Amino acid sequence: MRLKGFIIGIGLALGLLTIECSQQEREMLPEGNAVYYWRTDLRLDSTERAFLKQYHINKVYCRYFDVVMSDDSVAEPRPNATITFSDTLPDNIEIIPTIYITEDCMHQPHKGLAEKIVKRIQQMNETNDIHGVREIQIDCDYTYKSRKTYYAFLDEIDRFWKQGNPNHPRISTTIRLHQLSMDTPPVDYGVLMIYNTGDPRKWEERNPILDYRDVYPYLARLDQYPLPLAAAYPVYLWVRDIQGVHVEHLVEAEEILRVKKAMEQERQDLRRAIITYHLDKDNINRYKPETYEEIYHH
């Protein structure tokens, strides 16, 4: 009986230690506000600059280029929609090069792809006098079918990016809600995309950008996901032509804040690092300042 009690005690102690370590790991994600920048030319007007200052934005996840499968017979990944830099960010804001890669690029390994992407980012930084970049982010809607190839690709990205980089380099990736059920990718942290949560084909029933009813089934998985997470919320308008009908999808402020509250109740560290998608004058003017204050509230 003493042995059994000793074993149970050790088990409980290890369980508490695991929980404590997990909490400490999550606290490593720095607190701060950020935005995505998803246009093909970095150019800020006075409204956008004022927004960065007003909401104490310290990071901009800037999409540098996409990686898509080529249409030719070779069928190899290639860069697409590369950004140009007509402007610069304020000196106190960290720029994080972000690469969107389509899921079909991960259906099989492509030798040398990770190295080419890292070198392209470095060349773009050098050409545009962007210095001190510490982090890159890879955005991919990977699935069970493609995750092993994608994770191996991230390992290569990590190796080439951190090789000889003196700036305490980091790698992050986006995490969709459906990816919470998978094992974690080999990165320093993830950005939980709390948008594009619904089925676009069922737009008459629910908002495909964000609806609490689509988020609810994933809430129970949040606290068990071991990877440190930032949270990204939508503030954009999606305009579509559906069978000749002009349709606009926009998430009401109340719905964004309802989902945010529910997410943070399940996992409190989601309030540490908050991102909005994406920086644009029209998006800024679409919501009241009070809404942005609540979104960025820690």
Protein backbone atom coordinates (compact mmCIF):
# COMPACT_ATOMS: atom_id res chain seq x y z
CA MET A 1 0.00 0.00 0.00
CA ARG A 2 2.87 2.38 0.83
CA LEU A 3 4.45 1.65 -2.56
CA LYS A 4 1.14 2.29 -4.32
CA GLY A 5 0.72 5.57 -2.46
CA PHE A 6 4.30 6.55 -3.30
CA ILE A 7 3.71 5.86 -7.00
CA ILE A 8 0.47 7.85 -6.99
CA GLY A 9 2.25 10.71 -5.24
CA ILE A 10 5.05 10.72 -7.79
CA GLY A 11 2.47 10.67 -10.60
CA LEU A 12 0.63 13.66 -9.16
CA ALA A 13 3.87 15.55 -8.68
CA LEU A 14 4.94 14.89 -12.26
CA GLY A 15 1.50 15.95 -13.50
CA LEU A 16 1.71 19.24 -11.59
CA LEU A 17 5.25 19.77 -12.85
CA THR A 18 4.10 19.22 -16.44
CA ILE A 19 1.29 21.75 -16.01
CA GLU A 20 3.68 24.24 -14.42
CA CYS A 21 6.24 23.80 -17.21
CA SER A 22 3.51 24.21 -19.82
CA GLN A 23 2.37 27.45 -18.21
CA GLN A 24 5.94 28.73 -18.03
CA GLU A 25 6.44 27.86 -21.69
CA ARG A 26 3.37 29.85 -22.67
CA GLU A 27 4.57 32.86 -20.70
CA MET A 28 7.65 33.00 -22.92
CA LEU A 29 5.54 34.54 -25.71
CA PRO A 30 6.07 38.32 -25.37
CA GLU A 31 3.04 40.48 -24.71
CA GLY A 32 2.21 42.98 -27.43
CA ASN A 33 -0.05 44.18 -30.24
CA ALA A 34 0.48 43.46 -33.92
CA VAL A 35 -1.12 43.61 -37.35
CA TYR A 36 -0.86 41.70 -40.59
CA TYR A 37 0.02 43.66 -43.71
CA TRP A 38 -1.31 41.80 -46.76
CA ARG A 39 -1.01 44.22 -49.67
CA THR A 40 1.50 43.99 -52.52
CA ASP A 41 3.04 47.41 -51.84
CA LEU A 42 4.20 48.60 -48.44
CA ARG A 43 2.80 52.11 -48.39
CA LEU A 44 1.21 53.68 -45.30
CA ASP A 45 -1.08 56.70 -45.20
CA SER A 46 -1.59 59.00 -42.22
CA THR A 47 -4.58 57.00 -40.91
CA GLU A 48 -2.59 53.76 -40.88
CA ARG A 49 0.40 55.38 -39.20
CA ALA A 50 -1.85 56.90 -36.56
CA PHE A 51 -3.40 53.46 -35.96
CA LEU A 52 0.02 51.89 -35.37
CA LYS A 53 0.80 54.56 -32.79
CA GLN A 54 -2.61 54.71 -31.09
CA TYR A 55 -2.81 50.96 -30.41
CA HIS A 56 0.87 50.52 -29.53
CA ILE A 57 1.58 48.15 -32.41
CA ASN A 58 5.07 46.71 -32.01
CA LYS A 59 5.03 44.07 -34.79
CA VAL A 60 3.89 43.97 -38.40
CA TYR A 61 3.59 40.53 -40.01
CA CYS A 62 4.29 41.63 -43.57
CA ARG A 63 3.48 39.26 -46.43
CA TYR A 64 6.60 39.23 -48.62
CA PHE A 65 5.36 36.83 -51.29
CA ASP A 66 3.29 33.71 -51.91
CA VAL A 67 4.60 30.31 -52.94
CA VAL A 68 2.35 28.49 -55.41
CA MET A 69 2.62 25.51 -57.72
CA SER A 70 3.63 26.41 -61.27
CA ASP A 71 1.24 25.68 -64.11
CA ASP A 72 3.87 24.24 -66.42
CA SER A 73 4.83 20.62 -66.88
CA VAL A 74 7.59 20.87 -64.26
CA ALA A 75 5.03 21.55 -61.51
CA GLU A 76 7.43 23.08 -59.00
CA PRO A 77 6.72 25.70 -56.33
CA ARG A 78 7.46 29.27 -57.40
CA PRO A 79 7.12 32.74 -55.83
CA ASN A 80 4.11 34.87 -56.68
CA ALA A 81 2.75 38.35 -55.86
CA THR A 82 5.97 39.70 -54.36
CA ILE A 83 5.65 42.88 -52.31
CA THR A 84 7.36 46.15 -53.23
CA PHE A 85 8.57 48.60 -50.58
CA SER A 86 7.52 52.14 -51.42
CA ASP A 87 7.57 53.08 -47.74
CA THR A 88 9.10 52.05 -44.44
CA LEU A 89 7.68 51.18 -41.05
CA PRO A 90 8.33 53.34 -37.99
CA ASP A 91 11.68 52.53 -36.39
CA ASN A 92 10.12 51.11 -33.21
CA ILE A 93 8.11 48.44 -35.07
CA GLU A 94 9.50 44.99 -35.81
CA ILE A 95 8.83 43.66 -39.29
CA ILE A 96 8.21 39.93 -39.60
CA PRO A 97 8.47 38.61 -43.18
CA THR A 98 5.49 36.32 -43.75
CA ILE A 99 5.28 33.80 -46.56
CA TYR A 100 2.01 32.22 -47.64
CA ILE A 101 2.53 28.80 -49.21
CA THR A 102 -0.34 26.89 -50.79
CA GLU A 103 -1.13 23.48 -49.36
CA ASP A 104 -0.56 21.67 -52.67
CA CYS A 105 3.11 22.68 -52.49
CA MET A 106 3.33 20.33 -49.51
CA HIS A 107 1.90 17.23 -51.17
CA GLN A 108 5.46 16.06 -51.69
CA PRO A 109 8.94 17.28 -50.68
CA HIS A 110 10.67 19.78 -52.94
CA LYS A 111 14.43 19.69 -52.54
CA GLY A 112 16.00 23.08 -51.88
CA LEU A 113 12.68 24.93 -51.45
CA ALA A 114 13.30 26.00 -47.83
CA GLU A 115 16.78 27.31 -48.62
CA LYS A 116 15.48 29.25 -51.66
CA ILE A 117 12.75 30.89 -49.57
CA VAL A 118 15.15 31.93 -46.80
CA LYS A 119 17.66 33.33 -49.32
CA ARG A 120 14.89 35.25 -51.10
CA ILE A 121 13.77 36.82 -47.82
CA GLN A 122 17.36 37.77 -46.99
CA GLN A 123 17.90 39.27 -50.44
CA MET A 124 14.68 41.30 -50.18
CA ASN A 125 15.75 42.60 -46.78
CA GLU A 126 19.17 43.57 -48.09
CA THR A 127 17.81 45.21 -51.26
CA ASN A 128 15.31 47.29 -49.29
CA ASP A 129 17.61 48.20 -46.38
CA ILE A 130 15.55 46.23 -43.88
CA HIS A 131 17.83 45.35 -40.98
CA GLY A 132 17.64 43.42 -37.74
CA VAL A 133 14.95 40.97 -38.86
CA ARG A 134 14.72 38.27 -36.19
CA GLU A 135 11.69 36.24 -37.22
CA ILE A 136 9.96 34.83 -40.26
CA GLN A 137 6.49 33.31 -40.38
CA ILE A 138 5.18 30.63 -42.72
CA ASP A 139 1.45 30.55 -43.42
CA CYS A 140 0.01 27.29 -44.76
CA ASP A 141 -3.36 25.56 -44.45
CA TYR A 142 -1.75 22.16 -44.01
CA THR A 143 -3.85 19.03 -43.56
CA TYR A 144 -3.35 15.52 -42.18
CA LYS A 145 -2.20 14.55 -45.67
CA SER A 146 0.45 17.26 -45.97
CA ARG A 147 1.52 17.90 -42.36
CA LYS A 148 4.55 15.55 -42.31
CA THR A 149 5.99 17.14 -45.43
CA TYR A 150 5.16 20.59 -44.06
CA TYR A 151 6.78 19.90 -40.68
CA ALA A 152 9.94 18.61 -42.39
CA PHE A 153 9.91 21.77 -44.53
CA LEU A 154 9.62 23.92 -41.36
CA ASP A 155 12.61 22.08 -39.88
CA GLU A 156 14.63 23.06 -42.95
CA ILE A 157 13.39 26.65 -42.80
CA ASP A 158 14.45 26.76 -39.15
CA ARG A 159 17.91 25.41 -39.93
CA PHE A 160 18.65 27.80 -42.79
CA TRP A 161 17.13 30.85 -41.04
CA LYS A 162 18.96 30.35 -37.76
CA GLN A 163 22.25 29.43 -39.42
CA GLY A 164 24.69 32.25 -38.70
CA ASN A 165 21.90 34.63 -37.63
CA PRO A 166 23.03 36.65 -34.59
CA ASN A 167 19.63 38.25 -33.90
CA HIS A 168 18.10 35.51 -31.70
CA PRO A 169 16.11 34.21 -34.70
CA ARG A 170 12.63 32.72 -34.42
CA ILE A 171 10.24 30.79 -36.65
CA SER A 172 6.46 30.92 -36.35
CA THR A 173 3.58 29.46 -38.32
CA THR A 174 -0.14 29.99 -38.56
CA ILE A 175 -2.48 27.53 -36.86
CA ARG A 176 -6.05 27.08 -38.11
CA LEU A 177 -8.69 25.82 -35.70
CA HIS A 178 -8.90 22.43 -37.42
CA GLN A 179 -5.14 22.02 -36.96
CA LEU A 180 -5.47 22.07 -33.16
CA SER A 181 -6.22 18.34 -33.28
CA MET A 182 -2.85 17.57 -34.91
CA ASP A 183 0.57 17.27 -33.32
CA THR A 184 2.35 20.60 -33.05
CA PRO A 185 4.63 21.92 -35.80
CA PRO A 186 8.35 22.43 -35.06
CA VAL A 187 8.31 26.20 -34.54
CA ASP A 188 8.86 28.65 -31.68
CA TYR A 189 5.19 29.62 -31.54
CA GLY A 190 2.00 29.67 -33.57
CA VAL A 191 -0.52 32.32 -34.54
CA LEU A 192 -4.03 31.00 -34.08
CA MET A 193 -6.10 32.22 -37.03
CA ILE A 194 -9.51 33.00 -35.60
CA TYR A 195 -11.06 33.76 -38.98
CA ASN A 196 -12.13 31.94 -42.12
CA THR A 197 -13.81 29.57 -39.69
CA GLY A 198 -16.91 28.70 -41.72
CA ASP A 199 -17.84 27.03 -44.97
CA PRO A 200 -18.03 29.72 -47.72
CA ARG A 201 -20.69 27.64 -49.48
CA LYS A 202 -23.03 28.04 -46.48
CA TRP A 203 -22.75 31.83 -46.37
CA GLU A 204 -26.53 32.27 -46.08
CA GLU A 205 -26.55 30.34 -42.80
CA ARG A 206 -23.38 31.64 -41.11
CA ASN A 207 -20.72 34.26 -41.69
CA PRO A 208 -17.81 32.34 -43.26
CA ILE A 209 -15.25 34.77 -41.82
CA LEU A 210 -16.19 34.23 -38.18
CA ASP A 211 -19.17 32.79 -36.33
CA TYR A 212 -19.14 31.73 -32.68
CA ARG A 213 -21.02 28.53 -33.56
CA ASP A 214 -18.12 27.43 -35.81
CA VAL A 215 -15.54 28.25 -33.15
CA TYR A 216 -17.33 26.61 -30.21
CA PRO A 217 -16.40 22.96 -31.03
CA TYR A 218 -12.69 23.84 -30.82
CA LEU A 219 -12.74 25.66 -27.49
CA ALA A 220 -12.15 22.53 -25.42
CA ARG A 221 -8.90 21.80 -27.31
CA LEU A 222 -7.31 25.18 -26.67
CA ASP A 223 -5.87 24.69 -23.22
CA GLN A 224 -4.36 21.31 -24.11
CA TYR A 225 -2.47 22.60 -27.16
CA PRO A 226 1.16 22.78 -25.97
CA LEU A 227 2.54 25.31 -28.45
CA PRO A 228 2.68 28.98 -27.35
CA LEU A 229 0.01 30.89 -29.28
CA ALA A 230 -0.75 34.43 -30.37
CA ALA A 231 -4.33 35.20 -31.46
CA ALA A 232 -5.34 36.83 -34.77
CA TYR A 233 -8.80 38.34 -35.30
CA PRO A 234 -10.49 39.53 -38.52
CA VAL A 235 -11.32 43.18 -39.25
CA TYR A 236 -11.70 42.90 -43.01
CA LEU A 237 -14.51 42.93 -45.54
CA TRP A 238 -14.81 40.00 -47.97
CA VAL A 239 -16.63 40.87 -51.19
CA ARG A 240 -17.79 38.06 -53.47
CA ASP A 241 -19.89 37.62 -56.58
CA ILE A 242 -22.11 34.57 -56.05
CA GLN A 243 -24.18 33.62 -59.09
CA GLY A 244 -24.32 37.25 -60.15
CA VAL A 245 -25.20 38.52 -56.68
CA HIS A 246 -22.90 40.98 -54.90
CA VAL A 247 -22.26 39.61 -51.40
CA GLU A 248 -20.31 41.33 -48.62
CA HIS A 249 -19.10 39.40 -45.58
CA LEU A 250 -18.26 41.51 -42.52
CA VAL A 251 -18.01 40.38 -38.91
CA GLU A 252 -19.91 42.53 -36.44
CA ALA A 253 -17.81 43.94 -33.61
CA GLU A 254 -19.95 42.16 -31.03
CA GLU A 255 -19.21 38.78 -32.63
CA ILE A 256 -15.45 39.37 -32.65
CA LEU A 257 -15.49 40.34 -28.99
CA ARG A 258 -17.77 37.43 -28.07
CA VAL A 259 -15.37 34.95 -29.66
CA LYS A 260 -12.35 36.68 -28.11
CA LYS A 261 -13.89 36.43 -24.64
CA ALA A 262 -14.69 32.73 -25.11
CA MET A 263 -11.18 31.95 -26.37
CA GLU A 264 -9.51 33.72 -23.47
CA GLN A 265 -11.73 32.04 -20.91
CA GLU A 266 -10.45 28.68 -22.13
CA ARG A 267 -6.83 29.81 -22.48
CA GLN A 268 -5.81 32.99 -20.69
CA ASP A 269 -2.44 33.38 -22.41
CA LEU A 270 -4.25 34.09 -25.70
CA ARG A 271 -4.63 37.67 -24.45
CA ARG A 272 -0.86 38.19 -24.34
CA ALA A 273 -0.14 38.65 -28.05
CA ILE A 274 -2.98 39.95 -30.23
CA ILE A 275 -3.00 40.55 -33.97
CA THR A 276 -5.60 41.97 -36.35
CA TYR A 277 -5.89 41.01 -39.99
CA HIS A 278 -5.19 43.27 -41.72
CA LEU A 279 -3.81 46.85 -41.73
CA ASP A 280 -5.81 48.98 -44.15
CA LYS A 281 -7.44 52.40 -43.94
CA ASP A 282 -10.87 51.02 -44.84
CA ASN A 283 -10.61 48.34 -42.15
CA ILE A 284 -9.57 50.94 -39.57
CA ASN A 285 -12.58 53.13 -40.37
CA ARG A 286 -14.95 50.15 -40.46
CA TYR A 287 -14.89 49.72 -36.67
CA LYS A 288 -15.14 52.19 -33.81
CA PRO A 289 -11.99 52.96 -31.79
CA GLU A 290 -13.70 51.32 -28.81
CA THR A 291 -13.83 48.04 -30.72
CA TYR A 292 -10.11 48.08 -31.44
CA GLU A 293 -9.42 48.97 -27.81
CA GLU A 294 -11.38 45.88 -26.74
CA ILE A 295 -9.71 43.64 -29.31
CA TYR A 296 -6.26 44.75 -28.18
CA HIS A 297 -7.16 44.64 -24.50
CA HIS A 298 -4.82 42.34 -22.55
